[in-house]
Amino acid sequence: MASQTALNPPRDECRQCWLHAYDSRAQHKHLGPREDCPACVDHMVNGHPDHMIVR
């Protein structure tokens, strides 16, 4: 289970990015050793969807 830190991003942070940063091992366990996370890459390329930003 993700930690309280991973599940409670501060204001103006992206929920998905915060979760993937603070619960990285669990969020990326399905990936190979050198494989990039498609969700993380999408956020790096396209930005953060407004509905995922903590207000």
N, C-alpha and C. Protein backbone atom coordinates (compact mmCIF):
# COMPACT_ATOMS: atom_id res chain seq x y z
N MET A 1 0.84 -1.18 0.00
CA MET A 1 0.00 0.00 0.00
C MET A 1 0.89 1.25 0.00
N ALA A 2 0.45 2.25 -0.71
CA ALA A 2 1.20 3.50 -0.81
C ALA A 2 1.21 4.22 0.54
N SER A 3 2.28 4.95 0.78
CA SER A 3 2.41 5.70 2.02
C SER A 3 1.45 6.90 2.03
N GLN A 4 1.26 7.46 3.19
CA GLN A 4 0.41 8.65 3.31
C GLN A 4 1.00 9.81 2.52
N THR A 5 2.32 9.89 2.47
CA THR A 5 2.96 10.94 1.68
C THR A 5 2.60 10.79 0.21
N ALA A 6 2.66 9.57 -0.30
CA ALA A 6 2.36 9.32 -1.71
C ALA A 6 0.91 9.62 -2.06
N LEU A 7 0.03 9.43 -1.10
CA LEU A 7 -1.41 9.59 -1.36
C LEU A 7 -1.92 11.00 -1.07
N ASN A 8 -1.08 11.86 -0.53
CA ASN A 8 -1.52 13.21 -0.16
C ASN A 8 -0.59 14.28 -0.72
N PRO A 9 -0.66 14.52 -2.02
CA PRO A 9 0.21 15.55 -2.59
C PRO A 9 -0.17 16.95 -2.11
N PRO A 10 0.80 17.82 -2.01
CA PRO A 10 0.50 19.20 -1.61
C PRO A 10 -0.19 19.97 -2.73
N ARG A 11 -0.71 21.09 -2.37
CA ARG A 11 -1.40 21.96 -3.31
C ARG A 11 -0.50 22.30 -4.52
N ASP A 12 -1.11 22.37 -5.68
CA ASP A 12 -0.45 22.69 -6.94
C ASP A 12 0.44 21.59 -7.49
N GLU A 13 0.38 20.40 -6.92
CA GLU A 13 1.14 19.26 -7.44
C GLU A 13 0.20 18.31 -8.17
N CYS A 14 0.74 17.58 -9.13
CA CYS A 14 -0.02 16.59 -9.89
C CYS A 14 -0.14 15.31 -9.04
N ARG A 15 -1.35 14.82 -8.89
CA ARG A 15 -1.58 13.62 -8.08
C ARG A 15 -0.82 12.41 -8.64
N GLN A 16 -0.85 12.23 -9.94
CA GLN A 16 -0.19 11.07 -10.55
C GLN A 16 1.32 11.17 -10.41
N CYS A 17 1.89 12.32 -10.70
CA CYS A 17 3.34 12.49 -10.60
C CYS A 17 3.80 12.29 -9.16
N TRP A 18 3.04 12.83 -8.23
CA TRP A 18 3.39 12.71 -6.81
C TRP A 18 3.36 11.24 -6.39
N LEU A 19 2.31 10.52 -6.79
CA LEU A 19 2.20 9.10 -6.46
C LEU A 19 3.34 8.31 -7.07
N HIS A 20 3.64 8.56 -8.34
CA HIS A 20 4.70 7.83 -9.01
C HIS A 20 6.07 8.17 -8.42
N ALA A 21 6.25 9.35 -7.89
CA ALA A 21 7.52 9.73 -7.27
C ALA A 21 7.70 9.11 -5.89
N TYR A 22 6.62 9.10 -5.09
CA TYR A 22 6.74 8.65 -3.70
C TYR A 22 6.33 7.20 -3.49
N ASP A 23 5.84 6.54 -4.52
CA ASP A 23 5.52 5.11 -4.46
C ASP A 23 6.03 4.46 -5.75
N SER A 24 7.20 4.89 -6.15
CA SER A 24 7.77 4.53 -7.44
C SER A 24 7.88 3.02 -7.65
N ARG A 25 8.39 2.32 -6.69
CA ARG A 25 8.61 0.89 -6.86
C ARG A 25 7.30 0.16 -7.16
N ALA A 26 6.25 0.45 -6.42
CA ALA A 26 4.96 -0.21 -6.64
C ALA A 26 4.31 0.25 -7.94
N GLN A 27 4.42 1.53 -8.26
CA GLN A 27 3.78 2.06 -9.45
C GLN A 27 4.45 1.60 -10.74
N HIS A 28 5.72 1.26 -10.66
CA HIS A 28 6.47 0.89 -11.85
C HIS A 28 6.88 -0.58 -11.88
N LYS A 29 6.33 -1.40 -11.00
CA LYS A 29 6.74 -2.80 -10.91
C LYS A 29 6.42 -3.60 -12.18
N HIS A 30 5.46 -3.16 -12.95
CA HIS A 30 5.08 -3.86 -14.17
C HIS A 30 6.04 -3.59 -15.34
N LEU A 31 6.95 -2.68 -15.14
CA LEU A 31 7.88 -2.29 -16.21
C LEU A 31 9.16 -3.12 -16.17
N GLY A 32 9.80 -3.23 -17.31
CA GLY A 32 11.09 -3.90 -17.39
C GLY A 32 12.17 -3.02 -16.78
N PRO A 33 13.39 -3.54 -16.64
CA PRO A 33 14.46 -2.79 -15.97
C PRO A 33 14.84 -1.48 -16.65
N ARG A 34 14.70 -1.37 -17.94
CA ARG A 34 15.06 -0.13 -18.64
C ARG A 34 13.87 0.49 -19.37
N GLU A 35 12.68 0.10 -18.97
CA GLU A 35 11.47 0.57 -19.64
C GLU A 35 10.92 1.82 -18.96
N ASP A 36 10.55 2.81 -19.76
CA ASP A 36 9.96 4.04 -19.22
C ASP A 36 8.47 3.83 -18.95
N CYS A 37 7.98 4.48 -17.93
CA CYS A 37 6.56 4.42 -17.58
C CYS A 37 5.78 5.27 -18.58
N PRO A 38 4.82 4.68 -19.30
CA PRO A 38 4.05 5.45 -20.28
C PRO A 38 3.30 6.63 -19.65
N ALA A 39 2.78 6.46 -18.45
CA ALA A 39 2.05 7.55 -17.79
C ALA A 39 2.99 8.70 -17.44
N CYS A 40 4.18 8.38 -16.98
CA CYS A 40 5.16 9.42 -16.64
C CYS A 40 5.63 10.15 -17.90
N VAL A 41 5.91 9.40 -18.94
CA VAL A 41 6.35 10.00 -20.20
C VAL A 41 5.26 10.92 -20.74
N ASP A 42 4.01 10.48 -20.69
CA ASP A 42 2.90 11.30 -21.16
C ASP A 42 2.85 12.64 -20.43
N HIS A 43 3.06 12.62 -19.13
CA HIS A 43 3.04 13.87 -18.36
C HIS A 43 4.24 14.74 -18.68
N MET A 44 5.38 14.14 -18.95
CA MET A 44 6.56 14.93 -19.30
C MET A 44 6.40 15.59 -20.66
N VAL A 45 5.76 14.90 -21.58
CA VAL A 45 5.60 15.41 -22.94
C VAL A 45 4.40 16.35 -23.06
N ASN A 46 3.27 15.95 -22.52
CA ASN A 46 2.02 16.68 -22.72
C ASN A 46 1.60 17.57 -21.55
N GLY A 47 2.32 17.52 -20.46
CA GLY A 47 1.95 18.31 -19.29
C GLY A 47 0.96 17.57 -18.41
N HIS A 48 0.53 18.25 -17.40
CA HIS A 48 -0.34 17.64 -16.41
C HIS A 48 -1.79 18.06 -16.66
N PRO A 49 -2.70 17.09 -16.76
CA PRO A 49 -4.11 17.44 -16.93
C PRO A 49 -4.59 18.25 -15.73
N ASP A 50 -5.37 19.27 -15.99
CA ASP A 50 -5.82 20.16 -14.94
C ASP A 50 -6.56 19.43 -13.81
N HIS A 51 -7.31 18.39 -14.16
CA HIS A 51 -8.09 17.69 -13.14
C HIS A 51 -7.22 16.88 -12.19
N MET A 52 -5.94 16.71 -12.50
CA MET A 52 -5.06 15.96 -11.63
C MET A 52 -4.24 16.85 -10.70
N ILE A 53 -4.37 18.15 -10.84
CA ILE A 53 -3.64 19.09 -9.99
C ILE A 53 -4.45 19.35 -8.73
N VAL A 54 -3.78 19.24 -7.58
CA VAL A 54 -4.45 19.49 -6.30
C VAL A 54 -4.72 20.98 -6.16
N ARG A 55 -5.94 21.33 -5.87
CA ARG A 55 -6.32 22.74 -5.69
C ARG A 55 -6.63 23.04 -4.25
